[in-house]
Amino acid sequence: MKKLLSLLFIGLLTSCGVGFSFSGASIPPDAKSISVQYFQNQAPLAGPTMSQTFTDALRDYVTSQSHLKLVTNGDLDFAGSITGFTTQPVAVASGSSGQSSLTRLTITIDVTFTDKNDSKKNFTGAFSRYADYSSSQSLSAVQGDLITQINKQLVQDVFDKAFNNW
């Protein structure tokens, strides 16, 4: 009797209509491939490598967190652009004459996600993240680390929206 119940339980689990990855993401079971289009840089102040850096970060994360094969025209598709790359002062130094002690780098991206098998999962949206750095440092000195940090957050946000109903 225990064997029969165990087999029924296993049968129920394997017949579920939702696929899962090691990240806990809900990957559609009929999706076998994914594509991540090149994110064009439309932000005037972003450096020349920003597009490639973000595109690679998203491709790497999606393929490492799912069973999906990266192809040119996948069942699931990410496309978009980098639309914002701005800095602004965020904290005034004590005892100063209005000088900033912290500066914030903000990166904004627009993303369109398409599920070719289920249009109800499609979305278009803007995602924005930031990181602060000391105003005593130049942006060029900290830019590489800040972009890496912000890209990780943006990629996680995009992934969560697409696969975790965030």
N, C-alpha and C. Protein backbone atom coordinates (compact mmCIF):
# COMPACT_ATOMS: atom_id res chain seq x y z
N MET A 1 0.82 -1.20 0.00
CA MET A 1 0.00 0.00 0.00
C MET A 1 0.86 1.27 0.00
N LYS A 2 1.95 1.25 0.80
CA LYS A 2 2.85 2.41 0.85
C LYS A 2 3.49 2.66 -0.51
N LYS A 3 3.84 1.57 -1.20
CA LYS A 3 4.44 1.73 -2.52
C LYS A 3 3.45 2.37 -3.50
N LEU A 4 2.21 1.96 -3.41
CA LEU A 4 1.20 2.50 -4.30
C LEU A 4 0.99 3.99 -4.04
N LEU A 5 0.92 4.38 -2.78
CA LEU A 5 0.77 5.80 -2.45
C LEU A 5 1.99 6.60 -2.89
N SER A 6 3.17 6.04 -2.70
CA SER A 6 4.39 6.72 -3.13
C SER A 6 4.41 6.92 -4.63
N LEU A 7 4.01 5.88 -5.37
CA LEU A 7 3.97 5.99 -6.83
C LEU A 7 2.94 7.03 -7.28
N LEU A 8 1.79 7.05 -6.64
CA LEU A 8 0.79 8.05 -6.98
C LEU A 8 1.28 9.46 -6.70
N PHE A 9 1.95 9.65 -5.57
CA PHE A 9 2.49 10.96 -5.20
C PHE A 9 3.54 11.40 -6.21
N ILE A 10 4.44 10.51 -6.57
CA ILE A 10 5.47 10.83 -7.56
C ILE A 10 4.83 11.13 -8.91
N GLY A 11 3.81 10.37 -9.27
CA GLY A 11 3.10 10.62 -10.53
C GLY A 11 2.46 11.99 -10.56
N LEU A 12 1.87 12.39 -9.43
CA LEU A 12 1.28 13.73 -9.36
C LEU A 12 2.32 14.81 -9.50
N LEU A 13 3.47 14.62 -8.85
CA LEU A 13 4.52 15.63 -8.93
C LEU A 13 5.07 15.77 -10.34
N THR A 14 5.25 14.66 -11.02
CA THR A 14 5.85 14.72 -12.36
C THR A 14 4.86 15.17 -13.42
N SER A 15 3.56 15.13 -13.12
CA SER A 15 2.59 15.55 -14.12
C SER A 15 2.17 17.01 -13.97
N CYS A 16 2.73 17.71 -13.02
CA CYS A 16 2.39 19.12 -12.83
C CYS A 16 2.76 19.92 -14.07
N GLY A 17 2.03 20.99 -14.33
CA GLY A 17 2.23 21.77 -15.54
C GLY A 17 3.21 22.92 -15.41
N VAL A 18 3.98 22.98 -14.36
CA VAL A 18 4.92 24.08 -14.17
C VAL A 18 6.31 23.49 -13.99
N GLY A 19 7.28 24.05 -14.68
CA GLY A 19 8.66 23.61 -14.51
C GLY A 19 9.36 24.48 -13.49
N PHE A 20 10.33 23.91 -12.82
CA PHE A 20 11.08 24.65 -11.82
C PHE A 20 12.57 24.54 -12.09
N SER A 21 13.29 25.54 -11.67
CA SER A 21 14.75 25.51 -11.77
C SER A 21 15.31 25.48 -10.37
N PHE A 22 16.61 25.39 -10.27
CA PHE A 22 17.27 25.36 -8.96
C PHE A 22 17.11 26.67 -8.22
N SER A 23 16.78 27.74 -8.92
CA SER A 23 16.62 29.05 -8.30
C SER A 23 15.23 29.24 -7.70
N GLY A 24 14.34 28.26 -7.93
CA GLY A 24 12.97 28.40 -7.47
C GLY A 24 12.09 29.09 -8.48
N ALA A 25 12.64 29.41 -9.62
CA ALA A 25 11.88 30.10 -10.66
C ALA A 25 10.88 29.16 -11.30
N SER A 26 9.78 29.71 -11.74
CA SER A 26 8.74 28.95 -12.41
C SER A 26 8.92 29.10 -13.92
N ILE A 27 9.61 28.13 -14.50
CA ILE A 27 9.90 28.15 -15.94
C ILE A 27 8.79 27.37 -16.64
N PRO A 28 8.15 27.94 -17.66
CA PRO A 28 7.10 27.20 -18.37
C PRO A 28 7.65 25.88 -18.92
N PRO A 29 6.93 24.78 -18.72
CA PRO A 29 7.44 23.47 -19.15
C PRO A 29 7.60 23.34 -20.66
N ASP A 30 6.83 24.12 -21.43
CA ASP A 30 6.93 24.02 -22.88
C ASP A 30 8.06 24.89 -23.45
N ALA A 31 8.71 25.67 -22.61
CA ALA A 31 9.83 26.51 -23.06
C ALA A 31 11.12 25.70 -23.05
N LYS A 32 11.76 25.66 -24.17
CA LYS A 32 13.02 24.91 -24.30
C LYS A 32 14.22 25.82 -24.55
N SER A 33 13.93 27.04 -25.00
CA SER A 33 15.03 27.94 -25.36
C SER A 33 14.71 29.37 -24.94
N ILE A 34 15.78 30.16 -24.87
CA ILE A 34 15.64 31.57 -24.49
C ILE A 34 16.57 32.40 -25.36
N SER A 35 16.16 33.62 -25.62
CA SER A 35 17.04 34.55 -26.34
C SER A 35 17.09 35.86 -25.56
N VAL A 36 18.25 36.45 -25.57
CA VAL A 36 18.45 37.76 -24.95
C VAL A 36 19.05 38.64 -26.04
N GLN A 37 18.24 39.55 -26.54
CA GLN A 37 18.70 40.47 -27.58
C GLN A 37 19.68 41.47 -26.99
N TYR A 38 20.49 42.04 -27.85
CA TYR A 38 21.46 43.05 -27.44
C TYR A 38 20.73 44.30 -26.94
N PHE A 39 21.00 44.72 -25.72
CA PHE A 39 20.38 45.91 -25.14
C PHE A 39 21.13 47.15 -25.62
N GLN A 40 20.50 47.90 -26.52
CA GLN A 40 21.11 49.10 -27.07
C GLN A 40 21.26 50.18 -26.00
N ASN A 41 22.33 50.93 -26.08
CA ASN A 41 22.57 52.02 -25.15
C ASN A 41 21.96 53.30 -25.70
N GLN A 42 20.92 53.78 -25.03
CA GLN A 42 20.29 55.03 -25.42
C GLN A 42 20.51 56.11 -24.35
N ALA A 43 21.36 55.80 -23.38
CA ALA A 43 21.66 56.75 -22.31
C ALA A 43 22.92 57.52 -22.68
N PRO A 44 22.83 58.83 -22.85
CA PRO A 44 23.96 59.62 -23.34
C PRO A 44 25.23 59.51 -22.49
N LEU A 45 25.11 59.32 -21.19
CA LEU A 45 26.30 59.33 -20.34
C LEU A 45 26.91 57.95 -20.09
N ALA A 46 26.23 56.89 -20.51
CA ALA A 46 26.76 55.54 -20.29
C ALA A 46 27.95 55.29 -21.21
N GLY A 47 28.90 54.56 -20.68
CA GLY A 47 30.11 54.24 -21.44
C GLY A 47 29.83 53.28 -22.59
N PRO A 48 30.79 53.14 -23.47
CA PRO A 48 30.60 52.32 -24.68
C PRO A 48 30.42 50.83 -24.41
N THR A 49 30.84 50.35 -23.24
CA THR A 49 30.72 48.92 -22.95
C THR A 49 29.46 48.57 -22.15
N MET A 50 28.68 49.56 -21.79
CA MET A 50 27.51 49.33 -20.94
C MET A 50 26.52 48.35 -21.57
N SER A 51 26.24 48.47 -22.84
CA SER A 51 25.30 47.57 -23.51
C SER A 51 25.75 46.12 -23.44
N GLN A 52 27.00 45.90 -23.81
CA GLN A 52 27.52 44.54 -23.81
C GLN A 52 27.59 43.97 -22.40
N THR A 53 27.97 44.79 -21.44
CA THR A 53 28.08 44.34 -20.05
C THR A 53 26.73 43.89 -19.51
N PHE A 54 25.69 44.69 -19.73
CA PHE A 54 24.37 44.30 -19.24
C PHE A 54 23.83 43.09 -19.98
N THR A 55 23.94 43.08 -21.30
CA THR A 55 23.43 41.96 -22.10
C THR A 55 24.08 40.66 -21.65
N ASP A 56 25.40 40.66 -21.48
CA ASP A 56 26.11 39.46 -21.04
C ASP A 56 25.68 39.02 -19.64
N ALA A 57 25.48 39.99 -18.75
CA ALA A 57 25.06 39.66 -17.38
C ALA A 57 23.70 38.98 -17.39
N LEU A 58 22.77 39.48 -18.18
CA LEU A 58 21.44 38.87 -18.25
C LEU A 58 21.51 37.49 -18.89
N ARG A 59 22.26 37.34 -19.97
CA ARG A 59 22.41 36.03 -20.61
C ARG A 59 23.01 35.01 -19.65
N ASP A 60 24.07 35.40 -18.98
CA ASP A 60 24.75 34.49 -18.04
C ASP A 60 23.82 34.06 -16.92
N TYR A 61 23.07 35.00 -16.36
CA TYR A 61 22.21 34.69 -15.23
C TYR A 61 21.06 33.76 -15.64
N VAL A 62 20.41 34.08 -16.74
CA VAL A 62 19.27 33.28 -17.18
C VAL A 62 19.70 31.85 -17.50
N THR A 63 20.83 31.69 -18.16
CA THR A 63 21.26 30.33 -18.50
C THR A 63 21.77 29.57 -17.28
N SER A 64 22.32 30.26 -16.31
CA SER A 64 22.81 29.56 -15.12
C SER A 64 21.67 29.20 -14.16
N GLN A 65 20.54 29.89 -14.24
CA GLN A 65 19.43 29.66 -13.32
C GLN A 65 18.28 28.87 -13.94
N SER A 66 18.47 28.38 -15.14
CA SER A 66 17.40 27.62 -15.80
C SER A 66 18.01 26.53 -16.68
N HIS A 67 17.14 25.68 -17.18
CA HIS A 67 17.54 24.62 -18.09
C HIS A 67 17.47 25.06 -19.56
N LEU A 68 17.12 26.30 -19.78
CA LEU A 68 16.87 26.79 -21.13
C LEU A 68 18.15 26.97 -21.93
N LYS A 69 18.04 26.64 -23.21
CA LYS A 69 19.17 26.78 -24.13
C LYS A 69 19.15 28.19 -24.73
N LEU A 70 20.30 28.86 -24.72
CA LEU A 70 20.41 30.21 -25.28
C LEU A 70 20.53 30.12 -26.80
N VAL A 71 19.58 30.74 -27.50
CA VAL A 71 19.54 30.73 -28.96
C VAL A 71 19.23 32.14 -29.46
N THR A 72 19.22 32.32 -30.76
CA THR A 72 18.94 33.62 -31.34
C THR A 72 17.47 34.00 -31.26
N ASN A 73 16.58 33.04 -31.47
CA ASN A 73 15.14 33.31 -31.49
C ASN A 73 14.44 32.27 -30.61
N GLY A 74 14.45 32.49 -29.29
CA GLY A 74 13.96 31.50 -28.35
C GLY A 74 12.47 31.53 -28.09
N ASP A 75 12.01 30.49 -27.40
CA ASP A 75 10.61 30.43 -26.96
C ASP A 75 10.31 31.60 -26.03
N LEU A 76 11.28 31.98 -25.25
CA LEU A 76 11.19 33.13 -24.36
C LEU A 76 12.23 34.14 -24.84
N ASP A 77 11.88 35.41 -24.81
CA ASP A 77 12.78 36.41 -25.38
C ASP A 77 12.82 37.68 -24.52
N PHE A 78 14.03 38.15 -24.27
CA PHE A 78 14.24 39.44 -23.61
C PHE A 78 14.81 40.41 -24.64
N ALA A 79 14.27 41.60 -24.68
CA ALA A 79 14.79 42.67 -25.55
C ALA A 79 14.66 43.98 -24.78
N GLY A 80 15.40 44.97 -25.19
CA GLY A 80 15.27 46.26 -24.52
C GLY A 80 16.43 47.18 -24.78
N SER A 81 16.54 48.16 -23.90
CA SER A 81 17.61 49.15 -24.05
C SER A 81 17.96 49.76 -22.70
N ILE A 82 19.12 50.36 -22.66
CA ILE A 82 19.56 51.11 -21.49
C ILE A 82 19.13 52.55 -21.75
N THR A 83 18.27 53.07 -20.89
CA THR A 83 17.67 54.37 -21.15
C THR A 83 18.16 55.46 -20.20
N GLY A 84 18.78 55.07 -19.11
CA GLY A 84 19.24 56.07 -18.16
C GLY A 84 20.55 55.68 -17.50
N PHE A 85 21.40 56.66 -17.34
CA PHE A 85 22.70 56.51 -16.67
C PHE A 85 23.01 57.88 -16.11
N THR A 86 22.63 58.10 -14.85
CA THR A 86 22.73 59.44 -14.28
C THR A 86 23.43 59.42 -12.92
N THR A 87 24.03 60.55 -12.58
CA THR A 87 24.59 60.74 -11.25
C THR A 87 23.94 61.96 -10.63
N GLN A 88 23.80 61.91 -9.30
CA GLN A 88 23.25 63.07 -8.58
C GLN A 88 23.72 63.02 -7.13
N PRO A 89 23.92 64.17 -6.52
CA PRO A 89 24.32 64.21 -5.11
C PRO A 89 23.16 63.73 -4.23
N VAL A 90 23.50 63.00 -3.13
CA VAL A 90 22.43 62.49 -2.27
C VAL A 90 22.61 62.81 -0.80
N ALA A 91 23.80 63.18 -0.37
CA ALA A 91 24.01 63.50 1.04
C ALA A 91 24.96 64.68 1.17
N VAL A 92 24.57 65.63 2.01
CA VAL A 92 25.40 66.82 2.24
C VAL A 92 26.36 66.51 3.38
N ALA A 93 27.62 66.84 3.17
CA ALA A 93 28.64 66.60 4.19
C ALA A 93 28.44 67.54 5.36
N SER A 94 28.63 67.04 6.57
CA SER A 94 28.48 67.89 7.75
C SER A 94 29.61 68.91 7.79
N GLY A 95 29.28 70.12 8.18
CA GLY A 95 30.27 71.18 8.29
C GLY A 95 30.71 71.76 6.96
N SER A 96 30.10 71.30 5.87
CA SER A 96 30.50 71.83 4.56
C SER A 96 29.53 72.90 4.13
N SER A 97 29.89 73.59 3.14
CA SER A 97 29.01 74.65 2.62
C SER A 97 28.13 74.08 1.51
N GLY A 98 27.35 73.06 1.85
CA GLY A 98 26.43 72.48 0.88
C GLY A 98 27.05 71.48 -0.07
N GLN A 99 28.28 71.05 0.20
CA GLN A 99 28.91 70.08 -0.67
C GLN A 99 28.40 68.68 -0.36
N SER A 100 28.28 67.86 -1.37
CA SER A 100 27.77 66.51 -1.22
C SER A 100 28.87 65.57 -0.73
N SER A 101 28.48 64.64 0.17
CA SER A 101 29.44 63.63 0.61
C SER A 101 29.22 62.31 -0.12
N LEU A 102 28.02 62.13 -0.68
CA LEU A 102 27.71 60.93 -1.44
C LEU A 102 27.10 61.31 -2.78
N THR A 103 27.41 60.51 -3.79
CA THR A 103 26.83 60.68 -5.11
C THR A 103 26.19 59.35 -5.49
N ARG A 104 25.09 59.42 -6.19
CA ARG A 104 24.34 58.22 -6.58
C ARG A 104 24.41 58.03 -8.09
N LEU A 105 24.81 56.82 -8.49
CA LEU A 105 24.75 56.43 -9.89
C LEU A 105 23.48 55.60 -10.06
N THR A 106 22.62 56.01 -10.98
CA THR A 106 21.37 55.31 -11.27
C THR A 106 21.38 54.84 -12.72
N ILE A 107 21.04 53.57 -12.90
CA ILE A 107 20.93 53.00 -14.25
C ILE A 107 19.50 52.53 -14.43
N THR A 108 18.92 52.89 -15.58
CA THR A 108 17.56 52.50 -15.91
C THR A 108 17.57 51.73 -17.22
N ILE A 109 16.78 50.66 -17.26
CA ILE A 109 16.65 49.87 -18.48
C ILE A 109 15.17 49.69 -18.79
N ASP A 110 14.85 49.57 -20.05
CA ASP A 110 13.52 49.18 -20.51
C ASP A 110 13.63 47.76 -21.02
N VAL A 111 12.68 46.91 -20.63
CA VAL A 111 12.72 45.50 -21.00
C VAL A 111 11.37 45.08 -21.57
N THR A 112 11.43 44.30 -22.63
CA THR A 112 10.25 43.62 -23.16
C THR A 112 10.52 42.13 -23.10
N PHE A 113 9.63 41.42 -22.40
CA PHE A 113 9.74 39.96 -22.28
C PHE A 113 8.60 39.36 -23.07
N THR A 114 8.92 38.38 -23.91
CA THR A 114 7.92 37.71 -24.73
C THR A 114 8.00 36.21 -24.53
N ASP A 115 6.85 35.62 -24.20
CA ASP A 115 6.71 34.17 -24.12
C ASP A 115 5.90 33.77 -25.33
N LYS A 116 6.53 33.13 -26.30
CA LYS A 116 5.85 32.82 -27.56
C LYS A 116 4.74 31.80 -27.40
N ASN A 117 4.72 31.06 -26.28
CA ASN A 117 3.70 30.05 -26.05
C ASN A 117 2.55 30.54 -25.16
N ASP A 118 2.75 31.65 -24.47
CA ASP A 118 1.73 32.15 -23.54
C ASP A 118 1.82 33.67 -23.45
N SER A 119 1.05 34.35 -24.26
CA SER A 119 1.14 35.82 -24.32
C SER A 119 0.71 36.49 -23.02
N LYS A 120 0.03 35.77 -22.13
CA LYS A 120 -0.36 36.35 -20.83
C LYS A 120 0.86 36.64 -19.96
N LYS A 121 1.97 36.01 -20.26
CA LYS A 121 3.20 36.21 -19.47
C LYS A 121 4.05 37.37 -20.00
N ASN A 122 3.71 37.90 -21.16
CA ASN A 122 4.48 38.98 -21.77
C ASN A 122 4.40 40.25 -20.91
N PHE A 123 5.47 41.01 -20.91
CA PHE A 123 5.44 42.31 -20.23
C PHE A 123 6.46 43.24 -20.85
N THR A 124 6.20 44.52 -20.65
CA THR A 124 7.14 45.58 -20.98
C THR A 124 7.21 46.48 -19.77
N GLY A 125 8.42 46.84 -19.36
CA GLY A 125 8.54 47.69 -18.19
C GLY A 125 9.92 48.29 -18.04
N ALA A 126 9.99 49.28 -17.19
CA ALA A 126 11.25 49.94 -16.87
C ALA A 126 11.74 49.45 -15.51
N PHE A 127 13.03 49.25 -15.40
CA PHE A 127 13.67 48.84 -14.16
C PHE A 127 14.79 49.82 -13.86
N SER A 128 14.91 50.21 -12.62
CA SER A 128 15.93 51.18 -12.24
C SER A 128 16.57 50.76 -10.93
N ARG A 129 17.87 50.86 -10.84
CA ARG A 129 18.62 50.57 -9.62
C ARG A 129 19.75 51.57 -9.48
N TYR A 130 20.26 51.70 -8.26
CA TYR A 130 21.31 52.68 -8.02
C TYR A 130 22.31 52.15 -7.01
N ALA A 131 23.44 52.83 -6.97
CA ALA A 131 24.48 52.58 -5.95
C ALA A 131 25.12 53.93 -5.63
N ASP A 132 25.44 54.11 -4.35
CA ASP A 132 26.06 55.36 -3.90
C ASP A 132 27.56 55.19 -3.76
N TYR A 133 28.27 56.28 -3.96
CA TYR A 133 29.73 56.28 -3.78
C TYR A 133 30.16 57.62 -3.20
N SER A 134 31.32 57.63 -2.62
CA SER A 134 31.84 58.83 -1.99
C SER A 134 32.10 59.91 -3.04
N SER A 135 31.66 61.11 -2.74
CA SER A 135 31.86 62.22 -3.67
C SER A 135 33.33 62.61 -3.79
N SER A 136 34.16 62.11 -2.89
CA SER A 136 35.59 62.39 -3.00
C SER A 136 36.24 61.55 -4.10
N GLN A 137 35.51 60.56 -4.62
CA GLN A 137 36.02 59.73 -5.71
C GLN A 137 35.40 60.17 -7.03
N SER A 138 36.15 59.99 -8.08
CA SER A 138 35.60 60.30 -9.40
C SER A 138 34.77 59.11 -9.87
N LEU A 139 33.77 59.39 -10.69
CA LEU A 139 32.95 58.31 -11.23
C LEU A 139 33.80 57.31 -12.00
N SER A 140 34.75 57.79 -12.75
CA SER A 140 35.59 56.88 -13.55
C SER A 140 36.38 55.91 -12.67
N ALA A 141 36.69 56.31 -11.44
CA ALA A 141 37.44 55.44 -10.53
C ALA A 141 36.58 54.30 -9.98
N VAL A 142 35.28 54.51 -9.85
CA VAL A 142 34.41 53.52 -9.22
C VAL A 142 33.37 52.94 -10.17
N GLN A 143 33.32 53.44 -11.36
CA GLN A 143 32.28 53.08 -12.31
C GLN A 143 32.19 51.58 -12.58
N GLY A 144 33.29 50.92 -12.79
CA GLY A 144 33.29 49.48 -13.10
C GLY A 144 32.62 48.66 -12.01
N ASP A 145 33.01 48.90 -10.77
CA ASP A 145 32.41 48.16 -9.65
C ASP A 145 30.93 48.51 -9.47
N LEU A 146 30.60 49.77 -9.62
CA LEU A 146 29.20 50.18 -9.46
C LEU A 146 28.31 49.57 -10.54
N ILE A 147 28.78 49.55 -11.76
CA ILE A 147 28.01 48.96 -12.86
C ILE A 147 27.79 47.48 -12.61
N THR A 148 28.82 46.78 -12.16
CA THR A 148 28.68 45.36 -11.85
C THR A 148 27.63 45.14 -10.77
N GLN A 149 27.69 45.93 -9.72
CA GLN A 149 26.74 45.84 -8.61
C GLN A 149 25.31 46.14 -9.07
N ILE A 150 25.14 47.20 -9.81
CA ILE A 150 23.81 47.59 -10.28
C ILE A 150 23.27 46.58 -11.28
N ASN A 151 24.13 46.10 -12.18
CA ASN A 151 23.69 45.10 -13.16
C ASN A 151 23.16 43.84 -12.47
N LYS A 152 23.82 43.40 -11.41
CA LYS A 152 23.35 42.21 -10.67
C LYS A 152 21.94 42.44 -10.15
N GLN A 153 21.68 43.62 -9.63
CA GLN A 153 20.35 43.93 -9.11
C GLN A 153 19.31 44.01 -10.23
N LEU A 154 19.67 44.66 -11.33
CA LEU A 154 18.75 44.78 -12.45
C LEU A 154 18.42 43.41 -13.05
N VAL A 155 19.44 42.60 -13.23
CA VAL A 155 19.24 41.26 -13.78
C VAL A 155 18.31 40.45 -12.88
N GLN A 156 18.53 40.53 -11.58
CA GLN A 156 17.68 39.80 -10.64
C GLN A 156 16.23 40.30 -10.73
N ASP A 157 16.04 41.61 -10.83
CA ASP A 157 14.70 42.17 -10.95
C ASP A 157 14.00 41.68 -12.22
N VAL A 158 14.72 41.69 -13.34
CA VAL A 158 14.14 41.26 -14.62
C VAL A 158 13.80 39.77 -14.55
N PHE A 159 14.71 38.97 -14.03
CA PHE A 159 14.49 37.53 -13.90
C PHE A 159 13.27 37.25 -13.01
N ASP A 160 13.20 37.93 -11.88
CA ASP A 160 12.08 37.74 -10.96
C ASP A 160 10.75 38.11 -11.61
N LYS A 161 10.73 39.18 -12.36
CA LYS A 161 9.51 39.60 -13.03
C LYS A 161 9.08 38.56 -14.06
N ALA A 162 10.02 38.00 -14.79
CA ALA A 162 9.71 37.04 -15.84
C ALA A 162 9.34 35.65 -15.29
N PHE A 163 10.02 35.23 -14.23
CA PHE A 163 9.88 33.83 -13.81
C PHE A 163 9.37 33.60 -12.39
N ASN A 164 9.20 34.64 -11.63
CA ASN A 164 8.73 34.47 -10.25
C ASN A 164 7.48 35.28 -9.97
N ASN A 165 6.83 35.77 -11.02
CA ASN A 165 5.62 36.58 -10.87
C ASN A 165 5.80 37.70 -9.87
N TRP A 166 6.93 38.36 -9.92
CA TRP A 166 7.28 39.42 -8.98
C TRP A 166 6.53 40.67 -9.27
